[in-house]
Amino acid sequence: MTDSGLRLYSYWRSSAAFRVRIAIHLKGLPCEIVPVDLVKGGGEQHSDAFKEINPQELVPVLIDGGRVIRQSLAIIEYIEEMYEGPSLLPATSRERARARGLAQLVACDIHPLNNTRVLKYLEREDNMPQLERERWIKHWITLGFDALEQMLTDSPSTGDFCEGDAPSIADCCLVPQVFNAQRWSLDLGPWPTIRRIHTTCMALPAFERARPENQIDAPKN
């Protein structure tokens, strides 16, 4: 399939939406971005209209004709299978498994513990002060990045990117998590391979176009 009539419900600073935007741009697909403000008025994701689209009240959500696809990794795999363009998955089963594993390390193990709704719960239910919430964030990113750095450094499969010399689903997940770490002023010095791959990714137009500050709903000042 080559024609794309995609619509992505997104929030400019959502790591999950960020990784999907990267994938869409890597595939070279036209896509309408529909902003969902996760902050204003308590969060537009909690509106009745949006809950009809996603009962989880989360972004991103991809609409493709009559299809509704939820969860960022499922969306990335969907557009990989449905649309032509540069592949988001490597050529062999072993390489694909490794790329998926690296992606899941970020998307399933690091990111959920630092999600906005988790931080709001810690603040609301446990009265956790801002300083302690920041320590929480940095702890889980550090733990995940320590493991990811070792996996990248120890494997001969690591090339210019996480798996080989072409960007994949793993890089789609890595870059937003680095941005999240930078947002919380986490020193990236201990992870030179992660930093190198992030720099390589950000030199590509697809990653630059997807970055939070370049989105239509990003603050203008």
C-alpha atoms as a PDB file:
ATOM      1  CA  MET A   1       0.000   0.000   0.000  1.00  0.00           C
ATOM      2  CA  THR A   2       1.415   3.399  -0.931  1.00  0.00           C
ATOM      3  CA  ASP A   3      -1.334   5.970  -0.312  1.00  0.00           C
ATOM      4  CA  SER A   4      -1.457   7.393   3.192  1.00  0.00           C
ATOM      5  CA  GLY A   5      -4.409   9.118   4.838  1.00  0.00           C
ATOM      6  CA  LEU A   6      -3.022   8.948   8.331  1.00  0.00           C
ATOM      7  CA  ARG A   7      -4.111  10.992  11.340  1.00  0.00           C
ATOM      8  CA  LEU A   8      -2.057  10.926  14.532  1.00  0.00           C
ATOM      9  CA  TYR A   9      -3.369  12.103  17.888  1.00  0.00           C
ATOM     10  CA  SER A  10      -0.263  13.489  19.529  1.00  0.00           C
ATOM     11  CA  TYR A  11       1.097  15.751  22.254  1.00  0.00           C
ATOM     12  CA  TRP A  12       4.257  17.685  21.549  1.00  0.00           C
ATOM     13  CA  ARG A  13       6.139  16.501  24.659  1.00  0.00           C
ATOM     14  CA  SER A  14       4.851  12.921  24.790  1.00  0.00           C
ATOM     15  CA  SER A  15       7.729  10.476  24.407  1.00  0.00           C
ATOM     16  CA  ALA A  16       5.381   7.824  23.020  1.00  0.00           C
ATOM     17  CA  ALA A  17       3.974  10.188  20.393  1.00  0.00           C
ATOM     18  CA  PHE A  18       7.506  11.390  19.611  1.00  0.00           C
ATOM     19  CA  ARG A  19       8.649   7.870  18.718  1.00  0.00           C
ATOM     20  CA  VAL A  20       5.687   7.404  16.374  1.00  0.00           C
ATOM     21  CA  ARG A  21       6.324  10.759  14.684  1.00  0.00           C
ATOM     22  CA  ILE A  22       9.915   9.659  14.032  1.00  0.00           C
ATOM     23  CA  ALA A  23       8.710   6.417  12.460  1.00  0.00           C
ATOM     24  CA  ILE A  24       6.186   8.199  10.250  1.00  0.00           C
ATOM     25  CA  HIS A  25       8.832  10.626   8.998  1.00  0.00           C
ATOM     26  CA  LEU A  26      11.372   7.846   8.423  1.00  0.00           C
ATOM     27  CA  LYS A  27       8.786   6.121   6.217  1.00  0.00           C
ATOM     28  CA  GLY A  28       8.164   9.418   4.423  1.00  0.00           C
ATOM     29  CA  LEU A  29       4.420   9.279   5.047  1.00  0.00           C
ATOM     30  CA  PRO A  30       2.107  12.300   5.015  1.00  0.00           C
ATOM     31  CA  CYS A  31       0.211  12.475   8.277  1.00  0.00           C
ATOM     32  CA  GLU A  32      -2.179  14.929   9.889  1.00  0.00           C
ATOM     33  CA  ILE A  33      -1.212  15.718  13.481  1.00  0.00           C
ATOM     34  CA  VAL A  34      -4.148  16.223  15.849  1.00  0.00           C
ATOM     35  CA  PRO A  35      -2.890  17.808  19.084  1.00  0.00           C
ATOM     36  CA  VAL A  36      -4.225  16.490  22.384  1.00  0.00           C
ATOM     37  CA  ASP A  37      -3.174  18.753  25.254  1.00  0.00           C
ATOM     38  CA  LEU A  38      -2.279  16.469  28.145  1.00  0.00           C
ATOM     39  CA  VAL A  39      -2.080  19.388  30.599  1.00  0.00           C
ATOM     40  CA  LYS A  40      -4.652  22.073  29.783  1.00  0.00           C
ATOM     41  CA  GLY A  41      -7.832  21.850  31.850  1.00  0.00           C
ATOM     42  CA  GLY A  42      -6.651  18.670  33.539  1.00  0.00           C
ATOM     43  CA  GLY A  43      -5.895  17.032  30.195  1.00  0.00           C
ATOM     44  CA  GLU A  44      -7.903  16.765  26.979  1.00  0.00           C
ATOM     45  CA  GLN A  45      -7.187  13.026  26.948  1.00  0.00           C
ATOM     46  CA  HIS A  46      -9.802  12.673  29.677  1.00  0.00           C
ATOM     47  CA  SER A  47     -12.589  14.206  27.593  1.00  0.00           C
ATOM     48  CA  ASP A  48     -15.537  12.062  26.565  1.00  0.00           C
ATOM     49  CA  ALA A  49     -14.713  12.665  22.901  1.00  0.00           C
ATOM     50  CA  PHE A  50     -11.183  11.360  23.242  1.00  0.00           C
ATOM     51  CA  LYS A  51     -12.187   8.429  25.444  1.00  0.00           C
ATOM     52  CA  GLU A  52     -14.276   7.191  22.525  1.00  0.00           C
ATOM     53  CA  ILE A  53     -11.051   7.056  20.504  1.00  0.00           C
ATOM     54  CA  ASN A  54      -8.914   5.576  23.261  1.00  0.00           C
ATOM     55  CA  PRO A  55     -10.500   4.282  26.479  1.00  0.00           C
ATOM     56  CA  GLN A  56      -7.017   4.293  28.041  1.00  0.00           C
ATOM     57  CA  GLU A  57      -6.984   8.095  27.748  1.00  0.00           C
ATOM     58  CA  LEU A  58      -3.445   8.061  26.351  1.00  0.00           C
ATOM     59  CA  VAL A  59      -1.629   9.269  23.257  1.00  0.00           C
ATOM     60  CA  PRO A  60      -0.625   8.397  20.633  1.00  0.00           C
ATOM     61  CA  VAL A  61      -3.504   7.037  18.593  1.00  0.00           C
ATOM     62  CA  LEU A  62      -3.241   6.482  14.842  1.00  0.00           C
ATOM     63  CA  ILE A  63      -6.282   6.621  12.581  1.00  0.00           C
ATOM     64  CA  ASP A  64      -5.904   5.045   9.147  1.00  0.00           C
ATOM     65  CA  GLY A  65      -9.212   5.127   7.352  1.00  0.00           C
ATOM     66  CA  GLY A  66     -11.541   3.048   9.511  1.00  0.00           C
ATOM     67  CA  ARG A  67      -8.717   1.546  11.539  1.00  0.00           C
ATOM     68  CA  VAL A  68      -7.819   2.784  15.009  1.00  0.00           C
ATOM     69  CA  ILE A  69      -4.381   1.697  16.235  1.00  0.00           C
ATOM     70  CA  ARG A  70      -3.281   2.340  19.811  1.00  0.00           C
ATOM     71  CA  GLN A  71       0.058   1.882  21.610  1.00  0.00           C
ATOM     72  CA  SER A  72       3.189   3.340  20.070  1.00  0.00           C
ATOM     73  CA  LEU A  73       5.054   0.110  19.285  1.00  0.00           C
ATOM     74  CA  ALA A  74       1.957  -1.417  17.694  1.00  0.00           C
ATOM     75  CA  ILE A  75       1.546   1.731  15.598  1.00  0.00           C
ATOM     76  CA  ILE A  76       5.154   1.587  14.422  1.00  0.00           C
ATOM     77  CA  GLU A  77       4.837  -2.086  13.474  1.00  0.00           C
ATOM     78  CA  TYR A  78       1.551  -1.343  11.710  1.00  0.00           C
ATOM     79  CA  ILE A  79       2.949   1.371   9.460  1.00  0.00           C
ATOM     80  CA  GLU A  80       5.986  -0.817   8.770  1.00  0.00           C
ATOM     81  CA  GLU A  81       3.738  -3.623   7.535  1.00  0.00           C
ATOM     82  CA  MET A  82       1.218  -1.450   5.721  1.00  0.00           C
ATOM     83  CA  TYR A  83       3.325   1.152   3.946  1.00  0.00           C
ATOM     84  CA  GLU A  84       6.293   1.271   1.638  1.00  0.00           C
ATOM     85  CA  GLY A  85       9.428   3.242   2.410  1.00  0.00           C
ATOM     86  CA  PRO A  86      12.622   2.662   4.371  1.00  0.00           C
ATOM     87  CA  SER A  87      12.215  -0.291   6.692  1.00  0.00           C
ATOM     88  CA  LEU A  88      11.835   0.287  10.427  1.00  0.00           C
ATOM     89  CA  LEU A  89      12.926  -3.296  11.126  1.00  0.00           C
ATOM     90  CA  PRO A  90      16.206  -4.986  10.124  1.00  0.00           C
ATOM     91  CA  ALA A  91      16.431  -7.756   7.544  1.00  0.00           C
ATOM     92  CA  THR A  92      16.922 -10.938   9.585  1.00  0.00           C
ATOM     93  CA  SER A  93      14.911 -12.503  12.386  1.00  0.00           C
ATOM     94  CA  ARG A  94      17.802 -12.201  14.832  1.00  0.00           C
ATOM     95  CA  GLU A  95      18.335  -8.528  14.016  1.00  0.00           C
ATOM     96  CA  ARG A  96      14.621  -7.776  14.238  1.00  0.00           C
ATOM     97  CA  ALA A  97      14.413  -9.503  17.616  1.00  0.00           C
ATOM     98  CA  ARG A  98      17.323  -7.445  18.934  1.00  0.00           C
ATOM     99  CA  ALA A  99      15.866  -4.164  17.632  1.00  0.00           C
ATOM    100  CA  ARG A 100      12.492  -4.977  19.174  1.00  0.00           C
ATOM    101  CA  GLY A 101      14.149  -5.913  22.468  1.00  0.00           C
ATOM    102  CA  LEU A 102      16.032  -2.624  22.651  1.00  0.00           C
ATOM    103  CA  ALA A 103      12.855  -0.736  21.785  1.00  0.00           C
ATOM    104  CA  GLN A 104      10.907  -2.524  24.494  1.00  0.00           C
ATOM    105  CA  LEU A 105      13.624  -1.865  27.071  1.00  0.00           C
ATOM    106  CA  VAL A 106      12.888   1.841  26.620  1.00  0.00           C
ATOM    107  CA  ALA A 107       9.164   1.791  25.874  1.00  0.00           C
ATOM    108  CA  CYS A 108       8.125  -0.864  28.402  1.00  0.00           C
ATOM    109  CA  ASP A 109      10.689  -0.638  31.215  1.00  0.00           C
ATOM    110  CA  ILE A 110      12.025   2.935  31.390  1.00  0.00           C
ATOM    111  CA  HIS A 111       9.319   5.189  30.024  1.00  0.00           C
ATOM    112  CA  PRO A 112       6.208   3.949  31.913  1.00  0.00           C
ATOM    113  CA  LEU A 113       7.785   4.663  35.297  1.00  0.00           C
ATOM    114  CA  ASN A 114       8.326   8.292  34.291  1.00  0.00           C
ATOM    115  CA  ASN A 115       4.998   8.834  32.579  1.00  0.00           C
ATOM    116  CA  THR A 116       3.026  11.937  33.515  1.00  0.00           C
ATOM    117  CA  ARG A 117       0.180   9.969  35.056  1.00  0.00           C
ATOM    118  CA  VAL A 118       2.604   8.050  37.305  1.00  0.00           C
ATOM    119  CA  LEU A 119       4.243  11.275  38.472  1.00  0.00           C
ATOM    120  CA  LYS A 120       0.849  12.856  39.116  1.00  0.00           C
ATOM    121  CA  TYR A 121      -0.176   9.814  41.153  1.00  0.00           C
ATOM    122  CA  LEU A 122       2.983  10.042  43.270  1.00  0.00           C
ATOM    123  CA  GLU A 123       2.252  13.701  43.889  1.00  0.00           C
ATOM    124  CA  ARG A 124      -1.467  13.296  44.565  1.00  0.00           C
ATOM    125  CA  GLU A 125      -1.611  10.032  46.514  1.00  0.00           C
ATOM    126  CA  ASP A 126       1.782   9.927  48.211  1.00  0.00           C
ATOM    127  CA  ASN A 127       2.388  13.673  48.586  1.00  0.00           C
ATOM    128  CA  MET A 128       5.808  13.152  47.005  1.00  0.00           C
ATOM    129  CA  PRO A 129       7.605  16.513  46.696  1.00  0.00           C
ATOM    130  CA  GLN A 130       8.954  17.692  43.342  1.00  0.00           C
ATOM    131  CA  LEU A 131      12.573  17.024  44.342  1.00  0.00           C
ATOM    132  CA  GLU A 132      11.803  13.412  45.236  1.00  0.00           C
ATOM    133  CA  ARG A 133       9.834  12.924  42.015  1.00  0.00           C
ATOM    134  CA  GLU A 134      12.854  14.130  40.072  1.00  0.00           C
ATOM    135  CA  ARG A 135      15.051  11.658  41.953  1.00  0.00           C
ATOM    136  CA  TRP A 136      12.544   8.938  41.034  1.00  0.00           C
ATOM    137  CA  ILE A 137      12.738   9.885  37.350  1.00  0.00           C
ATOM    138  CA  LYS A 138      16.532   9.997  37.286  1.00  0.00           C
ATOM    139  CA  HIS A 139      16.818   6.691  39.151  1.00  0.00           C
ATOM    140  CA  TRP A 140      14.758   4.726  36.639  1.00  0.00           C
ATOM    141  CA  ILE A 141      16.301   6.361  33.581  1.00  0.00           C
ATOM    142  CA  THR A 142      19.776   5.718  34.968  1.00  0.00           C
ATOM    143  CA  LEU A 143      18.987   2.076  35.695  1.00  0.00           C
ATOM    144  CA  GLY A 144      17.625   1.578  32.184  1.00  0.00           C
ATOM    145  CA  PHE A 145      20.373   3.497  30.410  1.00  0.00           C
ATOM    146  CA  ASP A 146      23.080   1.589  32.293  1.00  0.00           C
ATOM    147  CA  ALA A 147      21.680  -1.664  30.914  1.00  0.00           C
ATOM    148  CA  LEU A 148      21.046  -0.244  27.447  1.00  0.00           C
ATOM    149  CA  GLU A 149      24.560   1.187  27.203  1.00  0.00           C
ATOM    150  CA  GLN A 150      26.049  -2.201  28.044  1.00  0.00           C
ATOM    151  CA  MET A 151      23.840  -3.971  25.502  1.00  0.00           C
ATOM    152  CA  LEU A 152      24.859  -1.498  22.802  1.00  0.00           C
ATOM    153  CA  THR A 153      28.550  -1.476  23.680  1.00  0.00           C
ATOM    154  CA  ASP A 154      28.932  -5.238  24.030  1.00  0.00           C
ATOM    155  CA  SER A 155      27.205  -6.191  20.773  1.00  0.00           C
ATOM    156  CA  PRO A 156      28.929  -6.310  17.370  1.00  0.00           C
ATOM    157  CA  SER A 157      25.494  -5.646  15.882  1.00  0.00           C
ATOM    158  CA  THR A 158      25.573  -2.048  17.074  1.00  0.00           C
ATOM    159  CA  GLY A 159      26.587   0.193  14.203  1.00  0.00           C
ATOM    160  CA  ASP A 160      25.863   3.809  13.427  1.00  0.00           C
ATOM    161  CA  PHE A 161      22.496   3.110  15.031  1.00  0.00           C
ATOM    162  CA  CYS A 162      21.198   0.742  17.710  1.00  0.00           C
ATOM    163  CA  GLU A 163      21.051  -2.177  15.274  1.00  0.00           C
ATOM    164  CA  GLY A 164      23.329  -1.874  12.284  1.00  0.00           C
ATOM    165  CA  ASP A 165      23.793   1.178  10.115  1.00  0.00           C
ATOM    166  CA  ALA A 166      20.173   2.155   9.468  1.00  0.00           C
ATOM    167  CA  PRO A 167      17.669   3.625  11.933  1.00  0.00           C
ATOM    168  CA  SER A 168      15.097   1.199  13.271  1.00  0.00           C
ATOM    169  CA  ILE A 169      12.303   0.899  15.799  1.00  0.00           C
ATOM    170  CA  ALA A 170      14.999   0.863  18.493  1.00  0.00           C
ATOM    171  CA  ASP A 171      16.252   4.326  17.549  1.00  0.00           C
ATOM    172  CA  CYS A 172      12.661   5.594  17.369  1.00  0.00           C
ATOM    173  CA  CYS A 173      12.406   4.720  21.061  1.00  0.00           C
ATOM    174  CA  LEU A 174      15.890   5.735  22.159  1.00  0.00           C
ATOM    175  CA  VAL A 175      15.827   9.346  20.955  1.00  0.00           C
ATOM    176  CA  PRO A 176      12.686  10.450  22.848  1.00  0.00           C
ATOM    177  CA  GLN A 177      14.027   8.892  26.037  1.00  0.00           C
ATOM    178  CA  VAL A 178      17.269  10.853  25.659  1.00  0.00           C
ATOM    179  CA  PHE A 179      15.214  14.026  25.246  1.00  0.00           C
ATOM    180  CA  ASN A 180      13.315  13.090  28.390  1.00  0.00           C
ATOM    181  CA  ALA A 181      16.585  12.605  30.273  1.00  0.00           C
ATOM    182  CA  GLN A 182      17.814  15.978  29.064  1.00  0.00           C
ATOM    183  CA  ARG A 183      14.558  17.571  30.127  1.00  0.00           C
ATOM    184  CA  TRP A 184      15.292  16.487  33.704  1.00  0.00           C
ATOM    185  CA  SER A 185      18.947  17.606  33.473  1.00  0.00           C
ATOM    186  CA  LEU A 186      20.327  14.097  33.709  1.00  0.00           C
ATOM    187  CA  ASP A 187      24.053  13.951  32.908  1.00  0.00           C
ATOM    188  CA  LEU A 188      24.490  11.743  29.824  1.00  0.00           C
ATOM    189  CA  GLY A 189      28.243  11.441  30.348  1.00  0.00           C
ATOM    190  CA  PRO A 190      28.167   7.820  31.586  1.00  0.00           C
ATOM    191  CA  TRP A 191      26.585   6.589  28.342  1.00  0.00           C
ATOM    192  CA  PRO A 192      28.853   7.466  25.387  1.00  0.00           C
ATOM    193  CA  THR A 193      27.297   4.969  22.965  1.00  0.00           C
ATOM    194  CA  ILE A 194      23.799   6.254  23.660  1.00  0.00           C
ATOM    195  CA  ARG A 195      25.044   9.807  23.145  1.00  0.00           C
ATOM    196  CA  ARG A 196      26.769   8.889  19.885  1.00  0.00           C
ATOM    197  CA  ILE A 197      23.703   7.171  18.446  1.00  0.00           C
ATOM    198  CA  HIS A 198      21.463  10.045  19.542  1.00  0.00           C
ATOM    199  CA  THR A 199      23.733  12.534  17.753  1.00  0.00           C
ATOM    200  CA  THR A 200      23.716  10.394  14.601  1.00  0.00           C
ATOM    201  CA  CYS A 201      19.919  10.172  14.689  1.00  0.00           C
ATOM    202  CA  MET A 202      19.410  13.893  15.177  1.00  0.00           C
ATOM    203  CA  ALA A 203      21.438  14.620  12.053  1.00  0.00           C
ATOM    204  CA  LEU A 204      18.624  13.010  10.032  1.00  0.00           C
ATOM    205  CA  PRO A 205      15.669  15.183   8.917  1.00  0.00           C
ATOM    206  CA  ALA A 206      13.090  12.640  10.098  1.00  0.00           C
ATOM    207  CA  PHE A 207      14.285  12.883  13.697  1.00  0.00           C
ATOM    208  CA  GLU A 208      14.625  16.665  13.550  1.00  0.00           C
ATOM    209  CA  ARG A 209      11.083  17.103  12.198  1.00  0.00           C
ATOM    210  CA  ALA A 210       9.687  14.888  14.952  1.00  0.00           C
ATOM    211  CA  ARG A 211      11.362  16.639  17.884  1.00  0.00           C
ATOM    212  CA  PRO A 212       8.984  18.210  20.435  1.00  0.00           C
ATOM    213  CA  GLU A 213       9.778  21.877  19.843  1.00  0.00           C
ATOM    214  CA  ASN A 214       9.046  21.501  16.111  1.00  0.00           C
ATOM    215  CA  GLN A 215       5.433  20.401  16.657  1.00  0.00           C
ATOM    216  CA  ILE A 216       2.417  22.554  15.881  1.00  0.00           C
ATOM    217  CA  ASP A 217       1.232  22.430  19.499  1.00  0.00           C
ATOM    218  CA  ALA A 218       4.618  23.263  21.052  1.00  0.00           C
ATOM    219  CA  PRO A 219       4.726  26.522  23.040  1.00  0.00           C
ATOM    220  CA  LYS A 220       5.887  29.400  20.866  1.00  0.00           C
ATOM    221  CA  ASN A 221       7.860  31.195  23.588  1.00  0.00           C
END
